[in-house]
Amino acid sequence: MNVALIHDRLHIKTFWEKRINTQCQNADSEEQRMNKSALKLRGEWLVRLENRTKHLKSL
């Protein structure tokens, strides 16, 4: 095999591995950000409030 072809393949492989790793890290950080988001907490509080209201009305 030609040395240039091997070098090109290695370069392409490392390039895509770096891109994939970067995408995985970005996805993980975005997921963590969404889990800590105030919107998620607000939604949880709304559900709690609705359940409390239903419970109080049933009494």
PDB file of N, CA and C in Angstrom:
ATOM      1  N   MET A   1       0.829  -1.180   0.000  1.00  0.00           N
ATOM      2  CA  MET A   1       0.000   0.000   0.000  1.00  0.00           C
ATOM      3  C   MET A   1       0.875   1.246   0.000  1.00  0.00           C
ATOM      4  N   ASN A   2       0.360   2.242  -0.595  1.00  0.00           N
ATOM      5  CA  ASN A   2       1.085   3.495  -0.689  1.00  0.00           C
ATOM      6  C   ASN A   2       1.078   4.198   0.677  1.00  0.00           C
ATOM      7  N   VAL A   3       2.219   4.775   1.041  1.00  0.00           N
ATOM      8  CA  VAL A   3       2.349   5.458   2.328  1.00  0.00           C
ATOM      9  C   VAL A   3       1.407   6.659   2.400  1.00  0.00           C
ATOM     10  N   ALA A   4       1.207   7.339   1.293  1.00  0.00           N
ATOM     11  CA  ALA A   4       0.321   8.502   1.268  1.00  0.00           C
ATOM     12  C   ALA A   4      -1.113   8.084   1.546  1.00  0.00           C
ATOM     13  N   LEU A   5      -1.542   6.950   1.008  1.00  0.00           N
ATOM     14  CA  LEU A   5      -2.901   6.465   1.254  1.00  0.00           C
ATOM     15  C   LEU A   5      -3.105   6.108   2.724  1.00  0.00           C
ATOM     16  N   ILE A   6      -2.096   5.481   3.315  1.00  0.00           N
ATOM     17  CA  ILE A   6      -2.193   5.126   4.731  1.00  0.00           C
ATOM     18  C   ILE A   6      -2.287   6.382   5.578  1.00  0.00           C
ATOM     19  N   HIS A   7      -1.477   7.381   5.243  1.00  0.00           N
ATOM     20  CA  HIS A   7      -1.493   8.640   5.977  1.00  0.00           C
ATOM     21  C   HIS A   7      -2.853   9.328   5.836  1.00  0.00           C
ATOM     22  N   ASP A   8      -3.380   9.343   4.613  1.00  0.00           N
ATOM     23  CA  ASP A   8      -4.687   9.962   4.381  1.00  0.00           C
ATOM     24  C   ASP A   8      -5.782   9.245   5.170  1.00  0.00           C
ATOM     25  N   ARG A   9      -5.749   7.921   5.164  1.00  0.00           N
ATOM     26  CA  ARG A   9      -6.755   7.165   5.909  1.00  0.00           C
ATOM     27  C   ARG A   9      -6.655   7.445   7.401  1.00  0.00           C
ATOM     28  N   LEU A  10      -5.429   7.509   7.904  1.00  0.00           N
ATOM     29  CA  LEU A  10      -5.241   7.797   9.318  1.00  0.00           C
ATOM     30  C   LEU A  10      -5.734   9.202   9.651  1.00  0.00           C
ATOM     31  N   HIS A  11      -5.449  10.144   8.779  1.00  0.00           N
ATOM     32  CA  HIS A  11      -5.904  11.520   8.989  1.00  0.00           C
ATOM     33  C   HIS A  11      -7.424  11.607   8.982  1.00  0.00           C
ATOM     34  N   ILE A  12      -8.050  10.946   8.029  1.00  0.00           N
ATOM     35  CA  ILE A  12      -9.513  10.948   7.932  1.00  0.00           C
ATOM     36  C   ILE A  12     -10.123  10.268   9.153  1.00  0.00           C
ATOM     37  N   LYS A  13      -9.541   9.157   9.583  1.00  0.00           N
ATOM     38  CA  LYS A  13     -10.053   8.431  10.748  1.00  0.00           C
ATOM     39  C   LYS A  13      -9.957   9.302  12.002  1.00  0.00           C
ATOM     40  N   THR A  14      -8.822   9.925  12.235  1.00  0.00           N
ATOM     41  CA  THR A  14      -8.678  10.767  13.434  1.00  0.00           C
ATOM     42  C   THR A  14      -9.591  11.984  13.361  1.00  0.00           C
ATOM     43  N   PHE A  15      -9.770  12.531  12.158  1.00  0.00           N
ATOM     44  CA  PHE A  15     -10.663  13.670  11.996  1.00  0.00           C
ATOM     45  C   PHE A  15     -12.077  13.309  12.427  1.00  0.00           C
ATOM     46  N   TRP A  16     -12.589  12.184  11.926  1.00  0.00           N
ATOM     47  CA  TRP A  16     -13.957  11.785  12.256  1.00  0.00           C
ATOM     48  C   TRP A  16     -14.094  11.348  13.704  1.00  0.00           C
ATOM     49  N   GLU A  17     -13.066  10.730  14.263  1.00  0.00           N
ATOM     50  CA  GLU A  17     -13.118  10.360  15.681  1.00  0.00           C
ATOM     51  C   GLU A  17     -13.213  11.605  16.552  1.00  0.00           C
ATOM     52  N   LYS A  18     -12.467  12.637  16.205  1.00  0.00           N
ATOM     53  CA  LYS A  18     -12.535  13.900  16.946  1.00  0.00           C
ATOM     54  C   LYS A  18     -13.919  14.520  16.819  1.00  0.00           C
ATOM     55  N   ARG A  19     -14.477  14.509  15.617  1.00  0.00           N
ATOM     56  CA  ARG A  19     -15.823  15.071  15.405  1.00  0.00           C
ATOM     57  C   ARG A  19     -16.873  14.320  16.226  1.00  0.00           C
ATOM     58  N   ILE A  20     -16.768  12.990  16.224  1.00  0.00           N
ATOM     59  CA  ILE A  20     -17.717  12.173  16.972  1.00  0.00           C
ATOM     60  C   ILE A  20     -17.585  12.438  18.463  1.00  0.00           C
ATOM     61  N   ASN A  21     -16.357  12.510  18.963  1.00  0.00           N
ATOM     62  CA  ASN A  21     -16.148  12.785  20.388  1.00  0.00           C
ATOM     63  C   ASN A  21     -16.690  14.158  20.766  1.00  0.00           C
ATOM     64  N   THR A  22     -16.476  15.139  19.915  1.00  0.00           N
ATOM     65  CA  THR A  22     -16.980  16.483  20.181  1.00  0.00           C
ATOM     66  C   THR A  22     -18.501  16.486  20.220  1.00  0.00           C
ATOM     67  N   GLN A  23     -19.124  15.804  19.269  1.00  0.00           N
ATOM     68  CA  GLN A  23     -20.587  15.721  19.238  1.00  0.00           C
ATOM     69  C   GLN A  23     -21.131  15.026  20.483  1.00  0.00           C
ATOM     70  N   CYS A  24     -20.473  13.956  20.924  1.00  0.00           N
ATOM     71  CA  CYS A  24     -20.917  13.243  22.133  1.00  0.00           C
ATOM     72  C   CYS A  24     -20.802  14.134  23.360  1.00  0.00           C
ATOM     73  N   GLN A  25     -19.698  14.876  23.462  1.00  0.00           N
ATOM     74  CA  GLN A  25     -19.524  15.781  24.596  1.00  0.00           C
ATOM     75  C   GLN A  25     -20.571  16.887  24.570  1.00  0.00           C
ATOM     76  N   ASN A  26     -20.850  17.422  23.392  1.00  0.00           N
ATOM     77  CA  ASN A  26     -21.868  18.472  23.275  1.00  0.00           C
ATOM     78  C   ASN A  26     -23.248  17.938  23.653  1.00  0.00           C
ATOM     79  N   ALA A  27     -23.551  16.729  23.218  1.00  0.00           N
ATOM     80  CA  ALA A  27     -24.847  16.135  23.547  1.00  0.00           C
ATOM     81  C   ALA A  27     -24.961  15.904  25.055  1.00  0.00           C
ATOM     82  N   ASP A  28     -23.882  15.435  25.678  1.00  0.00           N
ATOM     83  CA  ASP A  28     -23.906  15.212  27.126  1.00  0.00           C
ATOM     84  C   ASP A  28     -24.086  16.518  27.884  1.00  0.00           C
ATOM     85  N   SER A  29     -23.365  17.549  27.481  1.00  0.00           N
ATOM     86  CA  SER A  29     -23.482  18.829  28.181  1.00  0.00           C
ATOM     87  C   SER A  29     -24.866  19.437  27.972  1.00  0.00           C
ATOM     88  N   GLU A  30     -25.441  19.260  26.792  1.00  0.00           N
ATOM     89  CA  GLU A  30     -26.784  19.767  26.529  1.00  0.00           C
ATOM     90  C   GLU A  30     -27.817  19.016  27.375  1.00  0.00           C
ATOM     91  N   GLU A  31     -27.631  17.725  27.511  1.00  0.00           N
ATOM     92  CA  GLU A  31     -28.546  16.930  28.335  1.00  0.00           C
ATOM     93  C   GLU A  31     -28.462  17.356  29.800  1.00  0.00           C
ATOM     94  N   GLN A  32     -27.246  17.598  30.283  1.00  0.00           N
ATOM     95  CA  GLN A  32     -27.077  18.070  31.663  1.00  0.00           C
ATOM     96  C   GLN A  32     -27.721  19.434  31.843  1.00  0.00           C
ATOM     97  N   ARG A  33     -27.553  20.296  30.858  1.00  0.00           N
ATOM     98  CA  ARG A  33     -28.141  21.632  30.935  1.00  0.00           C
ATOM     99  C   ARG A  33     -29.661  21.551  30.980  1.00  0.00           C
ATOM    100  N   MET A  34     -30.231  20.685  30.158  1.00  0.00           N
ATOM    101  CA  MET A  34     -31.677  20.538  30.135  1.00  0.00           C
ATOM    102  C   MET A  34     -32.199  19.945  31.447  1.00  0.00           C
ATOM    103  N   ASN A  35     -31.432  19.037  32.041  1.00  0.00           N
ATOM    104  CA  ASN A  35     -31.856  18.441  33.307  1.00  0.00           C
ATOM    105  C   ASN A  35     -31.866  19.461  34.439  1.00  0.00           C
ATOM    106  N   LYS A  36     -30.992  20.454  34.340  1.00  0.00           N
ATOM    107  CA  LYS A  36     -30.925  21.490  35.369  1.00  0.00           C
ATOM    108  C   LYS A  36     -31.802  22.690  35.030  1.00  0.00           C
ATOM    109  N   SER A  37     -32.445  22.646  33.913  1.00  0.00           N
ATOM    110  CA  SER A  37     -33.211  23.781  33.418  1.00  0.00           C
ATOM    111  C   SER A  37     -34.350  24.159  34.354  1.00  0.00           C
ATOM    112  N   ALA A  38     -34.593  25.436  34.442  1.00  0.00           N
ATOM    113  CA  ALA A  38     -35.697  25.939  35.267  1.00  0.00           C
ATOM    114  C   ALA A  38     -37.041  25.549  34.669  1.00  0.00           C
ATOM    115  N   LEU A  39     -37.109  25.394  33.368  1.00  0.00           N
ATOM    116  CA  LEU A  39     -38.366  24.991  32.736  1.00  0.00           C
ATOM    117  C   LEU A  39     -38.791  23.602  33.198  1.00  0.00           C
ATOM    118  N   LYS A  40     -37.827  22.723  33.340  1.00  0.00           N
ATOM    119  CA  LYS A  40     -38.141  21.377  33.815  1.00  0.00           C
ATOM    120  C   LYS A  40     -38.650  21.457  35.248  1.00  0.00           C
ATOM    121  N   LEU A  41     -37.978  22.246  36.067  1.00  0.00           N
ATOM    122  CA  LEU A  41     -38.408  22.398  37.458  1.00  0.00           C
ATOM    123  C   LEU A  41     -39.788  23.020  37.531  1.00  0.00           C
ATOM    124  N   ARG A  42     -40.042  23.989  36.668  1.00  0.00           N
ATOM    125  CA  ARG A  42     -41.354  24.634  36.647  1.00  0.00           C
ATOM    126  C   ARG A  42     -42.441  23.621  36.299  1.00  0.00           C
ATOM    127  N   GLY A  43     -42.151  22.759  35.331  1.00  0.00           N
ATOM    128  CA  GLY A  43     -43.106  21.723  34.957  1.00  0.00           C
ATOM    129  C   GLY A  43     -43.383  20.766  36.097  1.00  0.00           C
ATOM    130  N   GLU A  44     -42.337  20.403  36.837  1.00  0.00           N
ATOM    131  CA  GLU A  44     -42.528  19.517  37.983  1.00  0.00           C
ATOM    132  C   GLU A  44     -43.390  20.190  39.050  1.00  0.00           C
ATOM    133  N   TRP A  45     -43.165  21.474  39.268  1.00  0.00           N
ATOM    134  CA  TRP A  45     -43.959  22.200  40.265  1.00  0.00           C
ATOM    135  C   TRP A  45     -45.417  22.324  39.822  1.00  0.00           C
ATOM    136  N   LEU A  46     -45.642  22.512  38.535  1.00  0.00           N
ATOM    137  CA  LEU A  46     -47.018  22.575  38.035  1.00  0.00           C
ATOM    138  C   LEU A  46     -47.748  21.252  38.269  1.00  0.00           C
ATOM    139  N   VAL A  47     -47.057  20.161  38.039  1.00  0.00           N
ATOM    140  CA  VAL A  47     -47.665  18.843  38.264  1.00  0.00           C
ATOM    141  C   VAL A  47     -47.987  18.676  39.748  1.00  0.00           C
ATOM    142  N   ARG A  48     -47.061  19.078  40.613  1.00  0.00           N
ATOM    143  CA  ARG A  48     -47.317  18.979  42.051  1.00  0.00           C
ATOM    144  C   ARG A  48     -48.513  19.835  42.457  1.00  0.00           C
ATOM    145  N   LEU A  49     -48.574  21.044  41.916  1.00  0.00           N
ATOM    146  CA  LEU A  49     -49.687  21.933  42.238  1.00  0.00           C
ATOM    147  C   LEU A  49     -51.018  21.360  41.782  1.00  0.00           C
ATOM    148  N   GLU A  50     -51.036  20.794  40.570  1.00  0.00           N
ATOM    149  CA  GLU A  50     -52.268  20.191  40.057  1.00  0.00           C
ATOM    150  C   GLU A  50     -52.700  19.022  40.936  1.00  0.00           C
ATOM    151  N   ASN A  51     -51.757  18.191  41.342  1.00  0.00           N
ATOM    152  CA  ASN A  51     -52.088  17.051  42.204  1.00  0.00           C
ATOM    153  C   ASN A  51     -52.616  17.532  43.550  1.00  0.00           C
ATOM    154  N   ARG A  52     -52.001  18.570  44.091  1.00  0.00           N
ATOM    155  CA  ARG A  52     -52.443  19.110  45.376  1.00  0.00           C
ATOM    156  C   ARG A  52     -53.858  19.682  45.253  1.00  0.00           C
ATOM    157  N   THR A  53     -54.099  20.404  44.158  1.00  0.00           N
ATOM    158  CA  THR A  53     -55.419  20.987  43.944  1.00  0.00           C
ATOM    159  C   THR A  53     -56.482  19.900  43.813  1.00  0.00           C
ATOM    160  N   LYS A  54     -56.182  18.855  43.062  1.00  0.00           N
ATOM    161  CA  LYS A  54     -57.118  17.744  42.909  1.00  0.00           C
ATOM    162  C   LYS A  54     -57.403  17.095  44.256  1.00  0.00           C
ATOM    163  N   HIS A  55     -56.351  16.904  45.040  1.00  0.00           N
ATOM    164  CA  HIS A  55     -56.516  16.286  46.353  1.00  0.00           C
ATOM    165  C   HIS A  55     -57.387  17.151  47.266  1.00  0.00           C
ATOM    166  N   LEU A  56     -57.144  18.455  47.246  1.00  0.00           N
ATOM    167  CA  LEU A  56     -57.930  19.356  48.094  1.00  0.00           C
ATOM    168  C   LEU A  56     -59.399  19.428  47.656  1.00  0.00           C
ATOM    169  N   LYS A  57     -59.626  19.356  46.358  1.00  0.00           N
ATOM    170  CA  LYS A  57     -61.007  19.386  45.853  1.00  0.00           C
ATOM    171  C   LYS A  57     -61.748  18.104  46.219  1.00  0.00           C
ATOM    172  N   SER A  58     -61.023  16.998  46.260  1.00  0.00           N
ATOM    173  CA  SER A  58     -61.686  15.728  46.584  1.00  0.00           C
ATOM    174  C   SER A  58     -62.085  15.664  48.054  1.00  0.00           C
ATOM    175  N   LEU A  59     -61.445  16.451  48.884  1.00  0.00           N
ATOM    176  CA  LEU A  59     -61.807  16.476  50.307  1.00  0.00           C
ATOM    177  C   LEU A  59     -63.026  17.324  50.474  1.00  0.00           C
TER     178      LEU A  59
END
